[in-house]
Amino acid sequence: MTLFKIFISAFLIDNVILMRFLALCPFIGMSTDEDKSVGMGLAVTFVTVLATAVTWPLYNFVLSRNGVFGALLPNGLEFLQLLVFILVIASLVQLVEFFLKKCMPALYGAMGIYLALITTNCAILAVTLDVWLKGHNFIESLVYAAGVALGFLLSLLLLAGIRRRIRTSPIPAFLKGTPILFVTAALLSMAFMGFSGLVK
């Protein structure tokens, strides 16, 4: 039940985009159609879960003052946490990039610069830091990471579906383009507020 609560909280209640307002750049840039949204969402899911699986033991067994190397210093190697986490995320993004370039060149071309931007996607870094701040164990961390990443995918698909309708809707000239997307995102965010209190 605890794992279910962690997942639902990360997926809906504290949705990384619509409730925490992280990763808005790929949210707007990659939600032009459903295929791009799914491609980006799956790439982010892979990187997020794998980054959490690597950084959790790395922090707890190596960097922290109770870790193998952290014990050598009075305060451990915790000051290297951010640098190490970013290096891990960047390495995993390179793996995804190589895979897509080799196996899915069309998706690789469609994702363009946004694929490289996964490295600096604040949502992924936020997950790796959150599991440490929340004190999750390894399994809880993986469930939390999956919930956040799938919440990211859900947000992309929702906006992609709405954008399809927006293209054929009579939008006032001053709202066309990016402004209507942010208005839409704000309305989606308000709708997601209804999930608060779902898990107690």
N, C-alpha and C. Protein backbone atom coordinates (compact mmCIF):
# COMPACT_ATOMS: atom_id res chain seq x y z
N MET A 1 0.83 -1.21 0.00
CA MET A 1 0.00 0.00 0.00
C MET A 1 0.87 1.26 0.00
N THR A 2 1.98 1.22 0.73
CA THR A 2 2.89 2.37 0.76
C THR A 2 3.43 2.66 -0.63
N LEU A 3 3.80 1.62 -1.36
CA LEU A 3 4.33 1.80 -2.72
C LEU A 3 3.26 2.39 -3.64
N PHE A 4 2.02 1.94 -3.47
CA PHE A 4 0.92 2.48 -4.28
C PHE A 4 0.73 3.97 -3.99
N LYS A 5 0.79 4.34 -2.72
CA LYS A 5 0.63 5.75 -2.34
C LYS A 5 1.76 6.60 -2.92
N ILE A 6 2.97 6.07 -2.87
CA ILE A 6 4.11 6.80 -3.42
C ILE A 6 3.93 7.02 -4.92
N PHE A 7 3.48 5.96 -5.61
CA PHE A 7 3.29 6.06 -7.06
C PHE A 7 2.19 7.06 -7.42
N ILE A 8 1.03 6.94 -6.78
CA ILE A 8 -0.09 7.83 -7.09
C ILE A 8 0.24 9.28 -6.76
N SER A 9 0.95 9.47 -5.66
CA SER A 9 1.35 10.82 -5.28
C SER A 9 2.26 11.43 -6.33
N ALA A 10 3.25 10.67 -6.79
CA ALA A 10 4.18 11.18 -7.80
C ALA A 10 3.52 11.33 -9.16
N PHE A 11 2.60 10.42 -9.48
CA PHE A 11 1.96 10.40 -10.80
C PHE A 11 0.91 11.49 -10.97
N LEU A 12 0.06 11.67 -9.97
CA LEU A 12 -1.07 12.61 -10.09
C LEU A 12 -1.01 13.80 -9.13
N ILE A 13 -0.88 13.51 -7.84
CA ILE A 13 -1.04 14.55 -6.83
C ILE A 13 0.07 15.59 -6.90
N ASP A 14 1.31 15.13 -7.03
CA ASP A 14 2.44 16.05 -7.14
C ASP A 14 3.05 15.95 -8.54
N ASN A 15 2.19 15.94 -9.56
CA ASN A 15 2.65 15.80 -10.94
C ASN A 15 3.78 16.79 -11.21
N VAL A 16 4.87 16.27 -11.75
CA VAL A 16 6.10 17.05 -11.87
C VAL A 16 5.93 18.29 -12.74
N ILE A 17 5.06 18.25 -13.73
CA ILE A 17 4.85 19.41 -14.60
C ILE A 17 3.69 20.26 -14.12
N LEU A 18 2.54 19.65 -13.93
CA LEU A 18 1.33 20.42 -13.68
C LEU A 18 1.18 20.90 -12.25
N MET A 19 1.88 20.28 -11.30
CA MET A 19 1.78 20.72 -9.91
C MET A 19 3.09 21.30 -9.38
N ARG A 20 4.22 20.88 -9.96
CA ARG A 20 5.51 21.38 -9.48
C ARG A 20 6.17 22.32 -10.47
N PHE A 21 5.63 22.37 -11.69
CA PHE A 21 6.08 23.30 -12.74
C PHE A 21 7.55 23.13 -13.10
N LEU A 22 8.00 21.88 -13.14
CA LEU A 22 9.34 21.56 -13.60
C LEU A 22 9.25 21.02 -15.03
N ALA A 23 10.31 21.15 -15.78
CA ALA A 23 10.42 20.60 -17.15
C ALA A 23 9.38 21.20 -18.10
N LEU A 24 9.13 22.49 -17.98
CA LEU A 24 8.16 23.14 -18.87
C LEU A 24 8.67 23.25 -20.30
N CYS A 25 9.98 23.32 -20.48
CA CYS A 25 10.54 23.46 -21.83
C CYS A 25 10.18 22.25 -22.72
N PRO A 26 10.51 21.00 -22.31
CA PRO A 26 10.08 19.86 -23.14
C PRO A 26 8.57 19.68 -23.16
N PHE A 27 7.89 20.12 -22.10
CA PHE A 27 6.43 20.02 -22.04
C PHE A 27 5.80 20.80 -23.19
N ILE A 28 6.28 22.01 -23.42
CA ILE A 28 5.75 22.82 -24.52
C ILE A 28 6.34 22.38 -25.85
N GLY A 29 7.66 22.09 -25.88
CA GLY A 29 8.33 21.79 -27.13
C GLY A 29 8.01 20.45 -27.74
N MET A 30 7.76 19.43 -26.91
CA MET A 30 7.58 18.08 -27.41
C MET A 30 6.13 17.60 -27.39
N SER A 31 5.20 18.48 -27.16
CA SER A 31 3.79 18.07 -27.13
C SER A 31 3.05 18.48 -28.40
N THR A 32 3.80 18.66 -29.49
CA THR A 32 3.15 19.07 -30.75
C THR A 32 2.32 17.94 -31.34
N ASP A 33 2.70 16.69 -31.10
CA ASP A 33 1.85 15.56 -31.49
C ASP A 33 2.11 14.39 -30.55
N GLU A 34 1.22 13.39 -30.64
CA GLU A 34 1.26 12.28 -29.69
C GLU A 34 2.51 11.43 -29.82
N ASP A 35 3.00 11.23 -31.07
CA ASP A 35 4.17 10.38 -31.27
C ASP A 35 5.41 10.96 -30.60
N LYS A 36 5.61 12.27 -30.78
CA LYS A 36 6.75 12.93 -30.14
C LYS A 36 6.61 12.88 -28.62
N SER A 37 5.38 13.06 -28.15
CA SER A 37 5.14 13.03 -26.70
C SER A 37 5.49 11.67 -26.11
N VAL A 38 5.06 10.61 -26.78
CA VAL A 38 5.35 9.26 -26.30
C VAL A 38 6.85 9.00 -26.34
N GLY A 39 7.51 9.39 -27.44
CA GLY A 39 8.95 9.20 -27.57
C GLY A 39 9.71 9.90 -26.46
N MET A 40 9.38 11.17 -26.23
CA MET A 40 10.06 11.93 -25.18
C MET A 40 9.72 11.36 -23.81
N GLY A 41 8.45 11.01 -23.59
CA GLY A 41 8.02 10.47 -22.29
C GLY A 41 8.72 9.17 -21.95
N LEU A 42 8.86 8.29 -22.94
CA LEU A 42 9.53 7.00 -22.70
C LEU A 42 11.03 7.20 -22.47
N ALA A 43 11.64 8.13 -23.22
CA ALA A 43 13.06 8.41 -23.03
C ALA A 43 13.31 8.96 -21.63
N VAL A 44 12.45 9.88 -21.19
CA VAL A 44 12.58 10.46 -19.85
C VAL A 44 12.33 9.40 -18.78
N THR A 45 11.36 8.51 -19.02
CA THR A 45 11.07 7.44 -18.06
C THR A 45 12.29 6.54 -17.90
N PHE A 46 12.89 6.14 -19.02
CA PHE A 46 14.07 5.29 -18.97
C PHE A 46 15.20 5.95 -18.18
N VAL A 47 15.49 7.21 -18.54
CA VAL A 47 16.60 7.92 -17.89
C VAL A 47 16.30 8.15 -16.40
N THR A 48 15.06 8.52 -16.08
CA THR A 48 14.71 8.82 -14.69
C THR A 48 14.84 7.59 -13.79
N VAL A 49 14.26 6.49 -14.22
CA VAL A 49 14.29 5.26 -13.41
C VAL A 49 15.72 4.73 -13.29
N LEU A 50 16.45 4.73 -14.40
CA LEU A 50 17.82 4.22 -14.36
C LEU A 50 18.73 5.15 -13.56
N ALA A 51 18.53 6.47 -13.70
CA ALA A 51 19.33 7.43 -12.93
C ALA A 51 19.09 7.24 -11.44
N THR A 52 17.86 7.00 -11.06
CA THR A 52 17.54 6.77 -9.65
C THR A 52 18.17 5.47 -9.17
N ALA A 53 18.11 4.44 -10.01
CA ALA A 53 18.69 3.14 -9.64
C ALA A 53 20.21 3.23 -9.45
N VAL A 54 20.85 4.15 -10.17
CA VAL A 54 22.31 4.31 -10.06
C VAL A 54 22.68 5.27 -8.93
N THR A 55 21.96 6.40 -8.84
CA THR A 55 22.35 7.44 -7.88
C THR A 55 22.01 7.07 -6.43
N TRP A 56 20.94 6.30 -6.22
CA TRP A 56 20.57 5.94 -4.83
C TRP A 56 21.70 5.16 -4.14
N PRO A 57 22.17 4.05 -4.72
CA PRO A 57 23.28 3.34 -4.04
C PRO A 57 24.58 4.14 -4.06
N LEU A 58 24.77 4.93 -5.12
CA LEU A 58 25.98 5.74 -5.21
C LEU A 58 26.06 6.73 -4.06
N TYR A 59 24.92 7.34 -3.76
CA TYR A 59 24.90 8.30 -2.66
C TYR A 59 25.02 7.59 -1.31
N ASN A 60 24.19 6.58 -1.11
CA ASN A 60 24.12 5.94 0.21
C ASN A 60 25.34 5.11 0.56
N PHE A 61 25.99 4.50 -0.44
CA PHE A 61 27.12 3.61 -0.14
C PHE A 61 28.48 4.19 -0.48
N VAL A 62 28.50 5.32 -1.20
CA VAL A 62 29.79 5.90 -1.58
C VAL A 62 29.96 7.33 -1.07
N LEU A 63 28.98 8.21 -1.36
CA LEU A 63 29.14 9.63 -1.06
C LEU A 63 28.82 10.01 0.38
N SER A 64 27.84 9.37 0.99
CA SER A 64 27.42 9.77 2.33
C SER A 64 28.51 9.46 3.34
N ARG A 65 28.42 10.06 4.52
CA ARG A 65 29.47 9.86 5.54
C ARG A 65 29.50 8.43 6.06
N ASN A 66 28.43 7.65 5.75
CA ASN A 66 28.44 6.23 6.11
C ASN A 66 28.93 5.35 4.97
N GLY A 67 29.22 6.00 3.82
CA GLY A 67 29.62 5.25 2.63
C GLY A 67 31.08 4.84 2.68
N VAL A 68 31.48 4.09 1.67
CA VAL A 68 32.84 3.54 1.60
C VAL A 68 33.88 4.66 1.57
N PHE A 69 33.70 5.61 0.64
CA PHE A 69 34.67 6.69 0.51
C PHE A 69 34.28 7.90 1.35
N GLY A 70 32.97 8.05 1.60
CA GLY A 70 32.49 9.18 2.39
C GLY A 70 33.03 9.16 3.81
N ALA A 71 33.33 7.97 4.32
CA ALA A 71 33.85 7.84 5.69
C ALA A 71 35.25 8.42 5.84
N LEU A 72 35.92 8.66 4.71
CA LEU A 72 37.28 9.20 4.76
C LEU A 72 37.32 10.67 5.20
N LEU A 73 36.19 11.37 4.98
CA LEU A 73 36.11 12.78 5.34
C LEU A 73 35.09 12.96 6.46
N PRO A 74 35.26 13.98 7.30
CA PRO A 74 34.33 14.20 8.43
C PRO A 74 32.88 14.34 7.99
N ASN A 75 32.65 15.06 6.89
CA ASN A 75 31.28 15.27 6.40
C ASN A 75 30.96 14.43 5.17
N GLY A 76 31.80 13.47 4.88
CA GLY A 76 31.57 12.62 3.73
C GLY A 76 31.84 13.35 2.43
N LEU A 77 31.41 12.76 1.35
CA LEU A 77 31.57 13.37 0.02
C LEU A 77 30.24 13.91 -0.48
N GLU A 78 29.34 14.25 0.43
CA GLU A 78 28.00 14.69 0.06
C GLU A 78 28.01 15.96 -0.78
N PHE A 79 29.07 16.76 -0.67
CA PHE A 79 29.16 17.99 -1.44
C PHE A 79 29.30 17.71 -2.94
N LEU A 80 29.66 16.48 -3.30
CA LEU A 80 29.79 16.09 -4.70
C LEU A 80 28.48 15.56 -5.29
N GLN A 81 27.44 15.51 -4.48
CA GLN A 81 26.19 14.88 -4.89
C GLN A 81 25.65 15.44 -6.21
N LEU A 82 25.52 16.75 -6.30
CA LEU A 82 24.94 17.37 -7.49
C LEU A 82 25.77 17.06 -8.73
N LEU A 83 27.08 17.20 -8.62
CA LEU A 83 27.97 16.95 -9.74
C LEU A 83 27.88 15.49 -10.20
N VAL A 84 27.92 14.57 -9.26
CA VAL A 84 27.86 13.14 -9.60
C VAL A 84 26.52 12.79 -10.23
N PHE A 85 25.43 13.31 -9.68
CA PHE A 85 24.10 13.02 -10.22
C PHE A 85 23.96 13.52 -11.66
N ILE A 86 24.45 14.72 -11.92
CA ILE A 86 24.36 15.28 -13.28
C ILE A 86 25.20 14.45 -14.25
N LEU A 87 26.37 14.00 -13.82
CA LEU A 87 27.22 13.16 -14.68
C LEU A 87 26.53 11.83 -15.00
N VAL A 88 25.86 11.25 -14.02
CA VAL A 88 25.13 10.00 -14.24
C VAL A 88 24.01 10.22 -15.25
N ILE A 89 23.24 11.29 -15.05
CA ILE A 89 22.12 11.59 -15.96
C ILE A 89 22.62 11.84 -17.37
N ALA A 90 23.71 12.62 -17.51
CA ALA A 90 24.27 12.90 -18.83
C ALA A 90 24.73 11.63 -19.53
N SER A 91 25.33 10.72 -18.79
CA SER A 91 25.78 9.44 -19.38
C SER A 91 24.60 8.62 -19.87
N LEU A 92 23.52 8.58 -19.10
CA LEU A 92 22.34 7.81 -19.50
C LEU A 92 21.66 8.43 -20.72
N VAL A 93 21.65 9.76 -20.79
CA VAL A 93 21.07 10.44 -21.96
C VAL A 93 21.87 10.09 -23.21
N GLN A 94 23.19 9.99 -23.09
CA GLN A 94 24.01 9.59 -24.23
C GLN A 94 23.64 8.19 -24.71
N LEU A 95 23.37 7.28 -23.76
CA LEU A 95 22.93 5.93 -24.13
C LEU A 95 21.62 5.97 -24.92
N VAL A 96 20.66 6.76 -24.43
CA VAL A 96 19.37 6.91 -25.12
C VAL A 96 19.58 7.49 -26.51
N GLU A 97 20.45 8.51 -26.59
CA GLU A 97 20.70 9.16 -27.88
C GLU A 97 21.29 8.19 -28.89
N PHE A 98 22.27 7.38 -28.46
CA PHE A 98 22.88 6.39 -29.35
C PHE A 98 21.86 5.37 -29.81
N PHE A 99 21.00 4.92 -28.87
CA PHE A 99 19.99 3.92 -29.20
C PHE A 99 19.00 4.46 -30.23
N LEU A 100 18.49 5.67 -30.00
CA LEU A 100 17.51 6.25 -30.92
C LEU A 100 18.12 6.53 -32.29
N LYS A 101 19.35 7.00 -32.31
CA LYS A 101 20.02 7.31 -33.58
C LYS A 101 20.18 6.05 -34.41
N LYS A 102 20.47 4.94 -33.73
CA LYS A 102 20.71 3.67 -34.43
C LYS A 102 19.40 2.96 -34.80
N CYS A 103 18.45 2.90 -33.86
CA CYS A 103 17.25 2.08 -34.05
C CYS A 103 16.01 2.85 -34.48
N MET A 104 15.92 4.14 -34.12
CA MET A 104 14.73 4.94 -34.45
C MET A 104 15.16 6.30 -34.99
N PRO A 105 15.76 6.33 -36.18
CA PRO A 105 16.28 7.60 -36.70
C PRO A 105 15.21 8.68 -36.91
N ALA A 106 13.99 8.25 -37.25
CA ALA A 106 12.91 9.24 -37.46
C ALA A 106 12.58 9.95 -36.16
N LEU A 107 12.45 9.18 -35.07
CA LEU A 107 12.16 9.78 -33.77
C LEU A 107 13.35 10.61 -33.29
N TYR A 108 14.55 10.13 -33.57
CA TYR A 108 15.76 10.86 -33.20
C TYR A 108 15.77 12.25 -33.86
N GLY A 109 15.42 12.27 -35.16
CA GLY A 109 15.37 13.54 -35.89
C GLY A 109 14.26 14.44 -35.39
N ALA A 110 13.11 13.85 -35.05
CA ALA A 110 11.97 14.64 -34.59
C ALA A 110 12.23 15.27 -33.23
N MET A 111 12.96 14.57 -32.38
CA MET A 111 13.21 15.08 -31.04
C MET A 111 14.25 16.20 -31.05
N GLY A 112 15.15 16.17 -32.02
CA GLY A 112 16.11 17.26 -32.19
C GLY A 112 16.83 17.64 -30.92
N ILE A 113 16.87 18.94 -30.64
CA ILE A 113 17.62 19.47 -29.50
C ILE A 113 17.03 19.03 -28.16
N TYR A 114 15.74 18.68 -28.15
CA TYR A 114 15.10 18.32 -26.89
C TYR A 114 15.65 17.02 -26.32
N LEU A 115 16.20 16.17 -27.18
CA LEU A 115 16.82 14.93 -26.69
C LEU A 115 18.05 15.25 -25.85
N ALA A 116 18.89 16.14 -26.35
CA ALA A 116 20.08 16.54 -25.58
C ALA A 116 19.69 17.28 -24.31
N LEU A 117 18.56 17.98 -24.36
CA LEU A 117 18.12 18.76 -23.19
C LEU A 117 17.62 17.88 -22.04
N ILE A 118 17.45 16.57 -22.29
CA ILE A 118 17.07 15.67 -21.20
C ILE A 118 18.15 15.72 -20.11
N THR A 119 19.39 15.94 -20.54
CA THR A 119 20.50 16.02 -19.58
C THR A 119 20.24 17.10 -18.54
N THR A 120 19.72 18.23 -18.99
CA THR A 120 19.47 19.35 -18.06
C THR A 120 18.00 19.43 -17.65
N ASN A 121 17.26 18.35 -17.88
CA ASN A 121 15.86 18.32 -17.48
C ASN A 121 15.78 18.32 -15.95
N CYS A 122 15.27 19.43 -15.42
CA CYS A 122 15.26 19.58 -13.95
C CYS A 122 14.37 18.55 -13.28
N ALA A 123 13.42 17.97 -14.01
CA ALA A 123 12.55 16.96 -13.41
C ALA A 123 13.35 15.71 -13.03
N ILE A 124 14.28 15.31 -13.88
CA ILE A 124 15.08 14.12 -13.60
C ILE A 124 16.00 14.37 -12.42
N LEU A 125 16.65 15.51 -12.41
CA LEU A 125 17.52 15.84 -11.28
C LEU A 125 16.71 15.96 -9.99
N ALA A 126 15.51 16.53 -10.11
CA ALA A 126 14.64 16.67 -8.93
C ALA A 126 14.29 15.31 -8.34
N VAL A 127 14.04 14.31 -9.19
CA VAL A 127 13.72 12.97 -8.69
C VAL A 127 14.89 12.39 -7.91
N THR A 128 16.09 12.49 -8.48
CA THR A 128 17.26 11.90 -7.81
C THR A 128 17.53 12.58 -6.47
N LEU A 129 17.21 13.87 -6.37
CA LEU A 129 17.39 14.58 -5.10
C LEU A 129 16.22 14.32 -4.15
N ASP A 130 15.02 14.19 -4.70
CA ASP A 130 13.82 13.97 -3.87
C ASP A 130 13.90 12.67 -3.08
N VAL A 131 14.37 11.61 -3.73
CA VAL A 131 14.40 10.31 -3.05
C VAL A 131 15.33 10.36 -1.84
N TRP A 132 16.36 11.19 -1.93
CA TRP A 132 17.26 11.38 -0.80
C TRP A 132 16.59 12.23 0.28
N LEU A 133 15.93 13.31 -0.13
CA LEU A 133 15.26 14.19 0.84
C LEU A 133 14.09 13.50 1.53
N LYS A 134 13.36 12.67 0.78
CA LYS A 134 12.19 12.00 1.34
C LYS A 134 12.56 10.76 2.16
N GLY A 135 13.82 10.33 2.06
CA GLY A 135 14.27 9.17 2.83
C GLY A 135 13.72 7.85 2.32
N HIS A 136 13.43 7.75 1.02
CA HIS A 136 12.92 6.49 0.45
C HIS A 136 14.01 5.44 0.43
N ASN A 137 13.59 4.18 0.62
CA ASN A 137 14.55 3.09 0.40
C ASN A 137 14.67 2.84 -1.10
N PHE A 138 15.46 1.84 -1.50
CA PHE A 138 15.75 1.64 -2.92
C PHE A 138 14.49 1.35 -3.74
N ILE A 139 13.65 0.43 -3.28
CA ILE A 139 12.43 0.06 -4.02
C ILE A 139 11.47 1.25 -4.08
N GLU A 140 11.29 1.93 -2.96
CA GLU A 140 10.42 3.11 -2.94
C GLU A 140 10.93 4.18 -3.90
N SER A 141 12.24 4.30 -3.99
CA SER A 141 12.84 5.29 -4.89
C SER A 141 12.52 4.97 -6.35
N LEU A 142 12.60 3.69 -6.71
CA LEU A 142 12.29 3.29 -8.09
C LEU A 142 10.82 3.52 -8.41
N VAL A 143 9.94 3.21 -7.45
CA VAL A 143 8.50 3.42 -7.65
C VAL A 143 8.21 4.91 -7.80
N TYR A 144 8.84 5.73 -6.95
CA TYR A 144 8.67 7.18 -7.02
C TYR A 144 9.16 7.71 -8.37
N ALA A 145 10.32 7.24 -8.82
CA ALA A 145 10.88 7.68 -10.11
C ALA A 145 9.96 7.31 -11.27
N ALA A 146 9.41 6.08 -11.22
CA ALA A 146 8.49 5.65 -12.27
C ALA A 146 7.22 6.50 -12.26
N GLY A 147 6.72 6.81 -11.07
CA GLY A 147 5.52 7.64 -10.95
C GLY A 147 5.73 9.04 -11.51
N VAL A 148 6.85 9.64 -11.17
CA VAL A 148 7.16 10.99 -11.69
C VAL A 148 7.29 10.96 -13.21
N ALA A 149 8.04 9.98 -13.73
CA ALA A 149 8.28 9.90 -15.17
C ALA A 149 6.99 9.63 -15.95
N LEU A 150 6.14 8.76 -15.43
CA LEU A 150 4.87 8.47 -16.12
C LEU A 150 3.91 9.65 -15.99
N GLY A 151 4.01 10.39 -14.90
CA GLY A 151 3.24 11.63 -14.77
C GLY A 151 3.68 12.65 -15.80
N PHE A 152 4.97 12.69 -16.08
CA PHE A 152 5.52 13.55 -17.13
C PHE A 152 4.93 13.15 -18.49
N LEU A 153 4.92 11.84 -18.76
CA LEU A 153 4.36 11.32 -20.01
C LEU A 153 2.88 11.65 -20.12
N LEU A 154 2.12 11.47 -19.04
CA LEU A 154 0.70 11.79 -19.03
C LEU A 154 0.47 13.26 -19.37
N SER A 155 1.25 14.14 -18.77
CA SER A 155 1.11 15.58 -19.03
C SER A 155 1.36 15.91 -20.50
N LEU A 156 2.41 15.30 -21.06
CA LEU A 156 2.71 15.53 -22.48
C LEU A 156 1.56 15.08 -23.38
N LEU A 157 1.02 13.88 -23.09
CA LEU A 157 -0.07 13.36 -23.92
C LEU A 157 -1.34 14.20 -23.79
N LEU A 158 -1.63 14.67 -22.58
CA LEU A 158 -2.79 15.53 -22.39
C LEU A 158 -2.67 16.80 -23.22
N LEU A 159 -1.50 17.45 -23.14
CA LEU A 159 -1.33 18.69 -23.89
C LEU A 159 -1.30 18.44 -25.39
N ALA A 160 -0.71 17.31 -25.81
CA ALA A 160 -0.69 16.97 -27.24
C ALA A 160 -2.11 16.80 -27.79
N GLY A 161 -2.97 16.12 -27.00
CA GLY A 161 -4.36 15.95 -27.42
C GLY A 161 -5.11 17.27 -27.49
N ILE A 162 -4.86 18.14 -26.51
CA ILE A 162 -5.54 19.44 -26.51
C ILE A 162 -5.03 20.31 -27.66
N ARG A 163 -3.73 20.23 -27.96
CA ARG A 163 -3.17 21.02 -29.06
C ARG A 163 -3.77 20.63 -30.40
N ARG A 164 -4.12 19.36 -30.54
CA ARG A 164 -4.78 18.91 -31.78
C ARG A 164 -6.12 19.64 -31.96
N ARG A 165 -6.85 19.82 -30.84
CA ARG A 165 -8.12 20.54 -30.90
C ARG A 165 -7.91 22.04 -31.09
N ILE A 166 -6.86 22.56 -30.49
CA ILE A 166 -6.58 24.00 -30.58
C ILE A 166 -6.35 24.42 -32.03
N ARG A 167 -5.72 23.55 -32.82
CA ARG A 167 -5.40 23.89 -34.22
C ARG A 167 -6.64 24.21 -35.03
N THR A 168 -7.76 23.62 -34.68
CA THR A 168 -8.99 23.84 -35.46
C THR A 168 -10.00 24.71 -34.69
N SER A 169 -9.55 25.30 -33.59
CA SER A 169 -10.46 26.12 -32.78
C SER A 169 -10.24 27.60 -33.06
N PRO A 170 -11.30 28.39 -32.93
CA PRO A 170 -11.16 29.84 -33.15
C PRO A 170 -10.51 30.51 -31.94
N ILE A 171 -9.21 30.70 -31.99
CA ILE A 171 -8.45 31.31 -30.90
C ILE A 171 -8.25 32.79 -31.21
N PRO A 172 -8.49 33.68 -30.26
CA PRO A 172 -8.22 35.11 -30.49
C PRO A 172 -6.76 35.32 -30.90
N ALA A 173 -6.51 36.27 -31.77
CA ALA A 173 -5.17 36.48 -32.34
C ALA A 173 -4.11 36.70 -31.26
N PHE A 174 -4.45 37.43 -30.21
CA PHE A 174 -3.45 37.74 -29.18
C PHE A 174 -3.08 36.53 -28.32
N LEU A 175 -3.87 35.44 -28.42
CA LEU A 175 -3.59 34.24 -27.65
C LEU A 175 -2.96 33.13 -28.48
N LYS A 176 -2.88 33.32 -29.79
CA LYS A 176 -2.38 32.26 -30.65
C LYS A 176 -0.90 31.97 -30.37
N GLY A 177 -0.53 30.69 -30.53
CA GLY A 177 0.85 30.30 -30.30
C GLY A 177 1.11 29.92 -28.85
N THR A 178 2.21 30.39 -28.32
CA THR A 178 2.63 30.03 -26.97
C THR A 178 1.65 30.49 -25.88
N PRO A 179 1.06 31.70 -25.98
CA PRO A 179 0.16 32.13 -24.89
C PRO A 179 -0.98 31.16 -24.61
N ILE A 180 -1.62 30.62 -25.65
CA ILE A 180 -2.75 29.72 -25.42
C ILE A 180 -2.26 28.41 -24.79
N LEU A 181 -1.01 28.03 -25.08
CA LEU A 181 -0.46 26.81 -24.48
C LEU A 181 -0.28 26.99 -22.97
N PHE A 182 0.18 28.16 -22.56
CA PHE A 182 0.36 28.40 -21.13
C PHE A 182 -0.99 28.56 -20.42
N VAL A 183 -1.98 29.13 -21.10
CA VAL A 183 -3.32 29.19 -20.52
C VAL A 183 -3.86 27.78 -20.35
N THR A 184 -3.66 26.94 -21.36
CA THR A 184 -4.10 25.54 -21.31
C THR A 184 -3.40 24.80 -20.17
N ALA A 185 -2.08 25.01 -20.07
CA ALA A 185 -1.32 24.36 -19.00
C ALA A 185 -1.83 24.79 -17.62
N ALA A 186 -2.17 26.07 -17.49
CA ALA A 186 -2.68 26.58 -16.21
C ALA A 186 -4.02 25.92 -15.87
N LEU A 187 -4.88 25.76 -16.88
CA LEU A 187 -6.18 25.11 -16.65
C LEU A 187 -6.01 23.63 -16.30
N LEU A 188 -5.06 22.97 -16.97
CA LEU A 188 -4.76 21.57 -16.63
C LEU A 188 -4.25 21.47 -15.20
N SER A 189 -3.41 22.42 -14.83
CA SER A 189 -2.87 22.44 -13.47
C SER A 189 -3.98 22.58 -12.44
N MET A 190 -4.93 23.47 -12.73
CA MET A 190 -6.07 23.64 -11.82
C MET A 190 -6.90 22.37 -11.72
N ALA A 191 -7.05 21.67 -12.85
CA ALA A 191 -7.80 20.41 -12.85
C ALA A 191 -7.08 19.36 -11.99
N PHE A 192 -5.75 19.34 -12.06
CA PHE A 192 -4.98 18.37 -11.28
C PHE A 192 -5.01 18.66 -9.79
N MET A 193 -5.34 19.89 -9.42
CA MET A 193 -5.47 20.21 -8.02
C MET A 193 -6.59 19.39 -7.36
N GLY A 194 -7.52 18.92 -8.19
CA GLY A 194 -8.60 18.08 -7.68
C GLY A 194 -8.13 16.75 -7.13
N PHE A 195 -6.90 16.33 -7.50
CA PHE A 195 -6.36 15.07 -7.00
C PHE A 195 -5.76 15.19 -5.60
N SER A 196 -5.58 16.43 -5.14
CA SER A 196 -4.98 16.60 -3.81
C SER A 196 -5.91 15.98 -2.76
N GLY A 197 -5.33 15.27 -1.83
CA GLY A 197 -6.12 14.59 -0.82
C GLY A 197 -6.60 13.20 -1.25
N LEU A 198 -6.21 12.80 -2.49
CA LEU A 198 -6.61 11.48 -2.98
C LEU A 198 -6.00 10.36 -2.14
N VAL A 199 -4.75 10.56 -1.75
CA VAL A 199 -4.05 9.57 -0.92
C VAL A 199 -3.73 10.21 0.42
N LYS A 200 -4.14 9.55 1.50
CA LYS A 200 -3.87 10.08 2.84
C LYS A 200 -3.05 9.08 3.64
